[in-house]
Structures are given as structure tokens and as C-alpha cells.
Protein backbone atom coordinates (compact mmCIF):
# COMPACT_ATOMS: atom_id res chain seq x y z
CA MET A 1 73.04 72.98 95.87
CA ALA A 2 73.10 70.39 98.95
CA GLN A 3 76.35 68.65 98.39
CA GLU A 4 79.78 68.32 99.81
CA ILE A 5 83.28 66.44 99.02
CA GLU A 6 84.03 64.31 101.57
CA ILE A 7 87.53 63.47 102.35
CA GLU A 8 87.74 60.98 105.00
CA PHE A 9 90.43 57.93 106.12
CA LYS A 10 88.93 55.18 107.74
CA ASN A 11 90.54 52.03 109.55
CA LEU A 12 89.01 49.13 111.28
CA LEU A 13 89.67 48.41 114.78
CA THR A 14 89.84 45.29 117.12
CA ASN A 15 88.03 46.01 120.11
CA GLU A 16 91.29 46.51 122.23
CA GLU A 17 92.55 49.36 119.70
CA PHE A 18 89.18 51.03 119.77
CA ASN A 19 89.89 51.09 123.84
CA ILE A 20 93.16 52.36 123.21
CA LEU A 21 92.23 55.16 121.15
CA LEU A 22 89.31 56.07 123.26
CA ASP A 23 91.33 56.00 126.07
CA LYS A 24 94.45 58.13 124.76
CA LEU A 25 92.59 60.54 122.65
CA PRO A 26 90.07 63.49 123.49
CA PHE A 27 86.85 61.86 122.30
CA PRO A 28 83.79 62.65 124.85
CA GLU A 29 82.68 60.48 127.62
CA TYR A 30 79.61 59.42 125.84
CA SER A 31 78.62 58.47 121.97
CA VAL A 32 75.76 59.76 119.67
CA LYS A 33 73.70 57.02 118.72
CA GLN A 34 72.78 57.04 114.51
CA THR A 35 71.26 54.81 112.15
CA ASN A 36 71.76 54.29 108.91
CA PHE A 37 68.92 52.79 106.40
CA TYR A 38 70.37 51.72 103.27
CA PHE A 39 68.23 51.66 100.11
CA GLU A 40 69.69 49.93 96.81
CA THR A 41 67.81 48.53 93.46
CA ASN A 42 67.09 45.01 93.33
CA GLY A 43 69.82 44.70 90.17
CA LEU A 44 72.12 46.69 92.89
CA SER A 45 72.40 49.53 90.52
CA LEU A 46 74.07 52.04 92.80
CA LYS A 47 76.75 49.76 93.63
CA ASP A 48 77.71 49.49 89.89
CA LYS A 49 77.95 52.94 89.84
CA GLY A 50 80.17 53.10 93.26
CA CYS A 51 77.58 54.75 94.75
CA ALA A 52 75.50 54.28 97.82
CA LEU A 53 72.09 55.65 99.49
CA ARG A 54 71.19 55.93 102.74
CA ILE A 55 68.85 57.98 105.42
CA ARG A 56 70.33 58.61 108.60
CA GLU A 57 68.59 58.97 111.83
CA LYS A 58 70.51 61.36 114.06
CA GLN A 59 68.77 62.85 117.20
CA GLY A 60 65.17 62.58 115.93
CA LYS A 61 66.71 63.94 112.32
CA TYR A 62 66.65 62.48 109.11
CA ARG A 63 68.90 63.38 106.32
CA LEU A 64 68.92 61.63 102.90
CA THR A 65 72.51 61.19 101.44
CA LEU A 66 73.51 59.85 97.98
CA LYS A 67 77.33 59.24 98.15
CA GLU A 68 79.03 59.08 94.45
CA PRO A 69 82.75 58.62 93.70
CA HIS A 70 84.93 62.08 93.56
CA GLU A 71 88.29 62.34 92.68
CA LEU A 72 89.02 63.95 96.21
CA GLY A 73 87.12 61.18 97.94
CA LEU A 74 82.99 61.41 97.87
CA GLN A 75 80.51 63.63 96.58
CA GLU A 76 77.62 63.81 99.10
CA THR A 77 74.20 64.99 98.18
CA HIS A 78 71.85 65.98 100.82
CA ASP A 79 67.76 65.96 101.66
CA THR A 80 66.37 66.66 105.07
CA LEU A 81 63.65 64.55 105.60
CA THR A 82 60.72 64.36 107.97
CA GLU A 83 60.18 61.64 110.34
CA ASP A 84 57.13 61.23 108.13
CA GLU A 85 58.98 61.27 104.96
CA ALA A 86 61.49 58.72 106.33
CA LYS A 87 59.02 56.31 107.55
CA HIS A 88 57.22 56.36 104.17
CA TRP A 89 60.77 55.81 102.35
CA LEU A 90 61.32 52.73 104.75
CA ASN A 91 57.55 51.56 103.93
CA GLY A 92 58.84 51.31 100.18
CA GLU A 93 56.79 54.79 99.23
CA ILE A 94 59.70 56.68 97.80
CA ILE A 95 58.87 60.55 98.11
CA PRO A 96 61.14 62.81 95.78
CA LYS A 97 63.42 65.16 97.35
CA PRO A 98 65.13 67.55 94.87
CA GLU A 99 68.79 67.20 95.28
CA THR A 100 68.79 63.72 95.68
CA THR A 101 66.27 63.27 93.03
CA GLN A 102 68.39 65.12 90.63
CA GLN A 103 71.22 63.61 90.93
CA LEU A 104 69.68 59.79 90.87
CA GLN A 105 68.29 60.66 87.44
CA LYS A 106 71.90 61.74 86.23
CA LEU A 107 73.18 58.57 87.24
CA GLY A 108 69.97 57.28 85.26
CA ILE A 109 68.47 55.56 88.58
CA GLU A 110 64.82 55.50 88.63
CA GLN A 111 63.84 56.33 92.02
CA GLU A 112 60.90 53.98 92.14
CA LYS A 113 63.21 50.92 91.64
CA LEU A 114 64.98 51.44 94.88
CA VAL A 115 64.41 49.22 98.04
CA TYR A 116 65.09 49.50 101.57
CA TYR A 117 67.68 46.72 102.64
CA GLY A 118 67.82 47.30 106.45
CA SER A 119 69.75 49.24 108.75
CA LEU A 120 73.34 49.55 110.58
CA THR A 121 73.42 51.58 113.84
CA THR A 122 76.32 53.40 115.07
CA GLU A 123 77.47 54.70 118.42
CA ARG A 124 79.41 57.40 117.50
CA ARG A 125 82.27 59.78 119.35
CA GLU A 126 83.74 62.69 117.40
CA VAL A 127 86.04 65.41 118.31
CA GLU A 128 88.17 67.93 116.01
CA TYR A 129 91.81 67.09 116.77
CA LYS A 130 94.68 68.83 115.03
CA ASP A 131 92.50 70.69 112.34
CA VAL A 132 90.81 67.26 111.23
CA LEU A 133 87.68 65.49 112.81
CA ILE A 134 88.28 62.28 114.12
CA VAL A 135 85.60 60.05 114.90
CA LEU A 136 85.57 56.40 116.84
CA ASP A 137 82.32 54.29 115.72
CA TYR A 138 81.11 50.86 117.17
CA SER A 139 78.53 49.42 114.67
CA THR A 140 76.14 46.76 114.80
CA TYR A 141 74.44 44.90 111.60
CA ASN A 142 72.77 41.70 110.85
CA GLY A 143 74.35 40.17 113.66
CA VAL A 144 77.74 41.94 113.38
CA GLN A 145 79.35 43.92 115.41
CA ASP A 146 82.65 46.31 114.41
CA TYR A 147 85.07 49.10 115.07
CA GLU A 148 85.92 51.92 113.38
CA PHE A 149 88.72 54.76 113.30
CA GLU A 150 87.62 57.66 110.63
CA LEU A 151 89.28 60.92 110.23
CA GLU A 152 87.52 63.69 107.76
CA ALA A 153 89.84 66.81 106.19
CA LYS A 154 89.80 69.61 104.39
CA ASN A 155 92.88 68.86 102.52
CA HIS A 156 93.84 65.13 101.48
CA LYS A 157 97.50 65.78 102.06
CA ILE A 158 97.08 66.74 105.67
CA GLY A 159 94.39 64.48 106.59
CA LEU A 160 96.70 61.52 105.26
CA GLU A 161 99.34 62.66 107.40
CA ARG A 162 97.49 63.03 110.78
CA PHE A 163 96.05 59.42 109.73
CA HIS A 164 98.86 57.95 109.46
CA SER A 165 100.49 59.82 112.55
CA ILE A 166 97.79 58.71 114.64
CA LEU A 167 97.85 54.93 113.61
CA ASP A 168 101.42 54.78 113.89
CA GLU A 169 101.27 56.40 117.53
CA PHE A 170 99.26 53.82 118.96
CA GLY A 171 100.74 50.54 116.74
CA ILE A 172 97.53 50.11 114.87
CA LYS A 173 98.06 48.15 111.99
CA LYS A 174 96.46 49.69 108.41
CA LYS A 175 93.62 47.52 107.63
CA GLU A 176 91.90 47.53 104.31
CA THR A 177 88.03 49.14 105.43
CA PRO A 178 85.26 49.21 103.50
CA ASN A 179 82.76 51.70 103.57
CA LYS A 180 79.94 50.84 106.09
CA ILE A 181 77.26 50.34 103.31
CA VAL A 182 79.66 47.80 101.77
CA ARG A 183 80.28 45.93 105.19
CA PHE A 184 76.27 45.86 105.39
CA PHE A 185 75.63 43.96 102.28
CA LYS A 186 78.35 41.58 102.65
CA THR A 187 75.99 40.39 105.64
CA LEU A 188 73.24 39.76 103.50
CA PRO A 189 72.38 36.43 102.58
């Protein structure tokens, strides 16, 4: 099955903190642009279950991802979409895909009730660093812009240690950092 457990740590940054990390850590010079297209039911059924559904377009490739809570982080279920399938989804014509459809059914979510809510575009830089993946994101959505540091690890303990070590090293205060989809939905009228 196309699933994985994502163990990640996040921290919103100021523009100044973003530039410090960009300058002091070995991030690539150029970012890669990606856009998340978010889906939900009118009754916010996914949110009520702590879940999120998106299509991510990155370098001309489209991936449908359902995120669900998991004791170690988030369980992600993926399906690949063609550009044409992604366009159908964005136009309200939901095309069932094997992995995500199965998980949505387990959650009791009817695919035909899914609605496209909007998009968030991120300029992302990422690099392997001390056995973890570190990420700097600059995101724009609904007239808002934000900066974020993420760290992904295969082991929760090691990830948490590296995360706090980097924040401490550069004097960055730990901030409550909701996921991008939560931040996106907070900006909707």
C-alpha cells in the first residue's frame, strides 16, 4: 500500500529567522516551487477526524495525499494523478484512486462530497543534514505569507533532539505551528 508514517517537527519563523537559517545551514541556493490544492467536505468532516486531503503539484507531477493522525506522527496515503485527473479534481469531478479511496471509505467520507477550497504555494528548500531532512518553506495563500522550518526524521527521539538543537543554536523560540492546511483554512472567510 502507498502509505508512510511522517515524523516531522515544525516551527513558524520570522523573515529574519528564515534568512539566518538559510544563511547558516547548507540549504540549496534555489528553491523548488510546489502548490497544494486542498479538499474538504462542506461539513469539514476530514478536519473533525484530524485528517487532511490535498493534491500537490511539484515539477509537473501531481500526487494526492490523505493525512491521518498516527501515534508516531501522521500516516500519509498517496496516489499519483495525471495532470488531467488533477484538473478534474479541481473542477469538482472527483476521480476515485485506489489507495486514498479505500482510506476515505474507512473514515466514512464520501468522495462525491469533497469540495476544492483553494491553494497554497510554497517555495521549498530541503537538504539532508545530520541524519534528518531539514526544510525551509516560504508559503503564500489567501493574501498571507509565512516562513517555516521543518525537520523530518525516521526516529522521533533523534528528530526531536536535532530540531531543538537547531532552534537553540540559532536562538529561535519554539512557536506553536499548525500544519499548512490548518493555517490555510484559518484565512478563509
